[in-house]
PDB file of N, CA and C in Angstrom:
ATOM      1  N   MET A   1     113.924  89.233 119.238  1.00  0.00           N
ATOM      2  CA  MET A   1     114.418  90.142 118.587  1.00  0.00           C
ATOM      3  C   MET A   1     114.396  91.580 119.255  1.00  0.00           C
ATOM      4  N   GLU A   2     115.306  92.290 118.953  1.00  0.00           N
ATOM      5  CA  GLU A   2     115.500  93.596 119.573  1.00  0.00           C
ATOM      6  C   GLU A   2     115.171  94.710 118.669  1.00  0.00           C
ATOM      7  N   MET A   3     114.361  95.642 119.167  1.00  0.00           N
ATOM      8  CA  MET A   3     113.967  96.800 118.322  1.00  0.00           C
ATOM      9  C   MET A   3     115.090  97.924 118.556  1.00  0.00           C
ATOM     10  N   ILE A   4     115.315  98.559 117.451  1.00  0.00           N
ATOM     11  CA  ILE A   4     116.314  99.626 117.360  1.00  0.00           C
ATOM     12  C   ILE A   4     115.711 100.948 116.985  1.00  0.00           C
ATOM     13  N   ARG A   5     116.163 101.930 117.287  1.00  0.00           N
ATOM     14  CA  ARG A   5     115.793 103.336 116.827  1.00  0.00           C
ATOM     15  C   ARG A   5     116.960 103.809 115.964  1.00  0.00           C
ATOM     16  N   LEU A   6     116.515 104.391 114.810  1.00  0.00           N
ATOM     17  CA  LEU A   6     117.419 104.890 113.835  1.00  0.00           C
ATOM     18  C   LEU A   6     117.323 106.499 113.780  1.00  0.00           C
ATOM     19  N   ASP A   7     118.379 107.167 113.747  1.00  0.00           N
ATOM     20  CA  ASP A   7     118.340 108.615 113.501  1.00  0.00           C
ATOM     21  C   ASP A   7     117.900 108.739 112.003  1.00  0.00           C
ATOM     22  N   ASP A   8     117.586 110.077 111.681  1.00  0.00           N
ATOM     23  CA  ASP A   8     117.146 110.246 110.266  1.00  0.00           C
ATOM     24  C   ASP A   8     118.151 109.969 109.329  1.00  0.00           C
ATOM     25  N   GLU A   9     119.396 110.237 109.601  1.00  0.00           N
ATOM     26  CA  GLU A   9     120.401 109.875 108.593  1.00  0.00           C
ATOM     27  C   GLU A   9     120.617 108.526 108.381  1.00  0.00           C
ATOM     28  N   SER A  10     120.571 107.641 109.393  1.00  0.00           N
ATOM     29  CA  SER A  10     120.797 106.229 109.332  1.00  0.00           C
ATOM     30  C   SER A  10     119.526 105.602 108.637  1.00  0.00           C
ATOM     31  N   TYR A  11     118.324 106.070 108.958  1.00  0.00           N
ATOM     32  CA  TYR A  11     117.182 105.685 108.262  1.00  0.00           C
ATOM     33  C   TYR A  11     117.240 105.933 106.800  1.00  0.00           C
ATOM     34  N   ASN A  12     117.617 107.107 106.395  1.00  0.00           N
ATOM     35  CA  ASN A  12     117.638 107.370 104.927  1.00  0.00           C
ATOM     36  C   ASN A  12     118.700 106.629 104.227  1.00  0.00           C
ATOM     37  N   TYR A  13     119.805 106.371 104.922  1.00  0.00           N
ATOM     38  CA  TYR A  13     120.846 105.479 104.273  1.00  0.00           C
ATOM     39  C   TYR A  13     120.370 104.059 104.084  1.00  0.00           C
ATOM     40  N   LEU A  14     119.664 103.603 105.043  1.00  0.00           N
ATOM     41  CA  LEU A  14     119.095 102.202 104.999  1.00  0.00           C
ATOM     42  C   LEU A  14     118.096 102.144 103.834  1.00  0.00           C
ATOM     43  N   ILE A  15     117.171 103.098 103.774  1.00  0.00           N
ATOM     44  CA  ILE A  15     116.264 103.089 102.669  1.00  0.00           C
ATOM     45  C   ILE A  15     117.006 103.178 101.250  1.00  0.00           C
ATOM     46  N   GLN A  16     117.967 103.881 101.187  1.00  0.00           N
ATOM     47  CA  GLN A  16     118.758 104.026  99.998  1.00  0.00           C
ATOM     48  C   GLN A  16     119.368 102.695  99.593  1.00  0.00           C
ATOM     49  N   ILE A  17     119.873 102.087 100.543  1.00  0.00           N
ATOM     50  CA  ILE A  17     120.521 100.640 100.243  1.00  0.00           C
ATOM     51  C   ILE A  17     119.457  99.714  99.830  1.00  0.00           C
ATOM     52  N   ILE A  18     118.252  99.687 100.441  1.00  0.00           N
ATOM     53  CA  ILE A  18     117.162  98.766 100.131  1.00  0.00           C
ATOM     54  C   ILE A  18     116.681  99.234  98.739  1.00  0.00           C
ATOM     55  N   SER A  19     116.587 100.522  98.475  1.00  0.00           N
ATOM     56  CA  SER A  19     116.087 100.940  97.126  1.00  0.00           C
ATOM     57  C   SER A  19     116.966 100.537  96.000  1.00  0.00           C
ATOM     58  N   GLU A  20     118.284 100.611  96.225  1.00  0.00           N
ATOM     59  CA  GLU A  20     119.206 100.146  95.274  1.00  0.00           C
ATOM     60  C   GLU A  20     119.085  98.704  94.990  1.00  0.00           C
ATOM     61  N   LYS A  21     118.972  97.956  96.033  1.00  0.00           N
ATOM     62  CA  LYS A  21     118.816  96.547  95.828  1.00  0.00           C
ATOM     63  C   LYS A  21     117.509  96.172  95.031  1.00  0.00           C
ATOM     64  N   TYR A  22     116.443  96.992  95.378  1.00  0.00           N
ATOM     65  CA  TYR A  22     115.040  96.726  94.783  1.00  0.00           C
ATOM     66  C   TYR A  22     115.252  96.974  93.279  1.00  0.00           C
ATOM     67  N   TYR A  23     115.938  97.985  92.796  1.00  0.00           N
ATOM     68  CA  TYR A  23     116.145  98.303  91.345  1.00  0.00           C
ATOM     69  C   TYR A  23     117.101  97.452  90.715  1.00  0.00           C
ATOM     70  N   GLN A  24     117.872  96.680  91.419  1.00  0.00           N
ATOM     71  CA  GLN A  24     118.937  95.774  90.827  1.00  0.00           C
ATOM     72  C   GLN A  24     118.445  94.358  90.676  1.00  0.00           C
ATOM     73  N   THR A  25     117.367  93.951  91.336  1.00  0.00           N
ATOM     74  CA  THR A  25     116.909  92.634  91.308  1.00  0.00           C
ATOM     75  C   THR A  25     115.719  92.367  90.438  1.00  0.00           C
ATOM     76  N   THR A  26     115.606  91.150  89.872  1.00  0.00           N
ATOM     77  CA  THR A  26     114.404  90.743  89.106  1.00  0.00           C
ATOM     78  C   THR A  26     113.685  89.639  89.750  1.00  0.00           C
ATOM     79  N   ASP A  27     114.176  89.089  90.839  1.00  0.00           N
ATOM     80  CA  ASP A  27     113.561  87.936  91.528  1.00  0.00           C
ATOM     81  C   ASP A  27     112.374  88.528  92.303  1.00  0.00           C
ATOM     82  N   ILE A  28     111.184  87.905  92.005  1.00  0.00           N
ATOM     83  CA  ILE A  28     109.916  88.241  92.438  1.00  0.00           C
ATOM     84  C   ILE A  28     109.882  88.062  93.999  1.00  0.00           C
ATOM     85  N   ASP A  29     110.411  86.923  94.455  1.00  0.00           N
ATOM     86  CA  ASP A  29     110.538  86.630  95.861  1.00  0.00           C
ATOM     87  C   ASP A  29     111.402  87.666  96.652  1.00  0.00           C
ATOM     88  N   GLU A  30     112.426  88.035  96.074  1.00  0.00           N
ATOM     89  CA  GLU A  30     113.302  89.047  96.749  1.00  0.00           C
ATOM     90  C   GLU A  30     112.630  90.473  96.748  1.00  0.00           C
ATOM     91  N   LEU A  31     111.890  90.765  95.669  1.00  0.00           N
ATOM     92  CA  LEU A  31     111.136  92.004  95.644  1.00  0.00           C
ATOM     93  C   LEU A  31     110.046  92.010  96.725  1.00  0.00           C
ATOM     94  N   LYS A  32     109.423  90.843  96.981  1.00  0.00           N
ATOM     95  CA  LYS A  32     108.429  90.767  98.048  1.00  0.00           C
ATOM     96  C   LYS A  32     109.042  90.977  99.488  1.00  0.00           C
ATOM     97  N   LYS A  33     110.278  90.437  99.618  1.00  0.00           N
ATOM     98  CA  LYS A  33     110.890  90.548 100.877  1.00  0.00           C
ATOM     99  C   LYS A  33     111.290  92.002 101.071  1.00  0.00           C
ATOM    100  N   ILE A  34     111.779  92.727 100.045  1.00  0.00           N
ATOM    101  CA  ILE A  34     112.080  94.109 100.131  1.00  0.00           C
ATOM    102  C   ILE A  34     110.919  94.961 100.389  1.00  0.00           C
ATOM    103  N   ASN A  35     109.731  94.491  99.826  1.00  0.00           N
ATOM    104  CA  ASN A  35     108.556  95.273 100.026  1.00  0.00           C
ATOM    105  C   ASN A  35     108.105  95.155 101.514  1.00  0.00           C
ATOM    106  N   GLN A  36     108.271  93.951 102.125  1.00  0.00           N
ATOM    107  CA  GLN A  36     107.992  93.792 103.529  1.00  0.00           C
ATOM    108  C   GLN A  36     108.882  94.647 104.477  1.00  0.00           C
ATOM    109  N   LEU A  37     110.183  94.824 103.978  1.00  0.00           N
ATOM    110  CA  LEU A  37     111.034  95.717 104.786  1.00  0.00           C
ATOM    111  C   LEU A  37     110.603  97.132 104.727  1.00  0.00           C
ATOM    112  N   TYR A  38     110.194  97.460 103.481  1.00  0.00           N
ATOM    113  CA  TYR A  38     109.694  98.916 103.335  1.00  0.00           C
ATOM    114  C   TYR A  38     108.408  99.094 104.245  1.00  0.00           C
ATOM    115  N   LYS A  39     107.641  98.121 104.403  1.00  0.00           N
ATOM    116  CA  LYS A  39     106.424  98.261 105.269  1.00  0.00           C
ATOM    117  C   LYS A  39     106.767  98.305 106.657  1.00  0.00           C
ATOM    118  N   LYS A  40     107.601  97.530 107.148  1.00  0.00           N
ATOM    119  CA  LYS A  40     108.177  97.558 108.525  1.00  0.00           C
ATOM    120  C   LYS A  40     108.865  98.857 108.872  1.00  0.00           C
ATOM    121  N   LEU A  41     109.514  99.454 107.905  1.00  0.00           N
ATOM    122  CA  LEU A  41     110.233 100.753 108.077  1.00  0.00           C
ATOM    123  C   LEU A  41     109.223 101.913 107.789  1.00  0.00           C
ATOM    124  N   LYS A  42     107.942 101.585 107.504  1.00  0.00           N
ATOM    125  CA  LYS A  42     106.940 102.586 107.232  1.00  0.00           C
ATOM    126  C   LYS A  42     107.349 103.653 106.138  1.00  0.00           C
ATOM    127  N   PHE A  43     107.895 102.922 105.129  1.00  0.00           N
ATOM    128  CA  PHE A  43     108.333 103.603 103.851  1.00  0.00           C
ATOM    129  C   PHE A  43     107.349 103.300 102.814  1.00  0.00           C
ATOM    130  N   LYS A  44     106.924 104.190 102.012  1.00  0.00           N
ATOM    131  CA  LYS A  44     105.993 103.937 100.887  1.00  0.00           C
ATOM    132  C   LYS A  44     106.720 103.016  99.895  1.00  0.00           C
ATOM    133  N   SER A  45     106.080 101.800  99.723  1.00  0.00           N
ATOM    134  CA  SER A  45     106.736 100.772  98.789  1.00  0.00           C
ATOM    135  C   SER A  45     106.109 100.958  97.367  1.00  0.00           C
ATOM    136  N   GLU A  46     106.651 100.155  96.522  1.00  0.00           N
ATOM    137  CA  GLU A  46     106.024 100.156  95.183  1.00  0.00           C
ATOM    138  C   GLU A  46     104.665  99.709  95.216  1.00  0.00           C
ATOM    139  N   THR A  47     103.728 100.387  94.615  1.00  0.00           N
ATOM    140  CA  THR A  47     102.322 100.111  94.698  1.00  0.00           C
ATOM    141  C   THR A  47     101.901  98.692  94.214  1.00  0.00           C
ATOM    142  N   TRP A  48     102.538  98.285  93.143  1.00  0.00           N
ATOM    143  CA  TRP A  48     102.084  96.942  92.519  1.00  0.00           C
ATOM    144  C   TRP A  48     102.460  95.761  93.545  1.00  0.00           C
ATOM    145  N   LEU A  49     103.354  95.992  94.441  1.00  0.00           N
ATOM    146  CA  LEU A  49     103.632  94.889  95.314  1.00  0.00           C
ATOM    147  C   LEU A  49     102.773  95.042  96.668  1.00  0.00           C
ATOM    148  N   SER A  50     102.048  96.037  96.718  1.00  0.00           N
ATOM    149  CA  SER A  50     101.117  96.261  97.989  1.00  0.00           C
ATOM    150  C   SER A  50      99.768  95.575  97.735  1.00  0.00           C
ATOM    151  N   LYS A  51      99.453  95.223  96.489  1.00  0.00           N
ATOM    152  CA  LYS A  51      98.177  94.607  96.224  1.00  0.00           C
ATOM    153  C   LYS A  51      98.114  93.170  96.723  1.00  0.00           C
TER     154      LYS A  51
END
């Protein structure tokens, strides 16, 4: 796997897309995957998933 660097605009856009998906889904497994993405992106995730 290759690491990439994102500029602030791209990072914010990616977080926006992930957040939209987060609020549109009710599948627990998908929410857990989104939470993992948040963690990898060092974005504060929803607290109930962090437990």
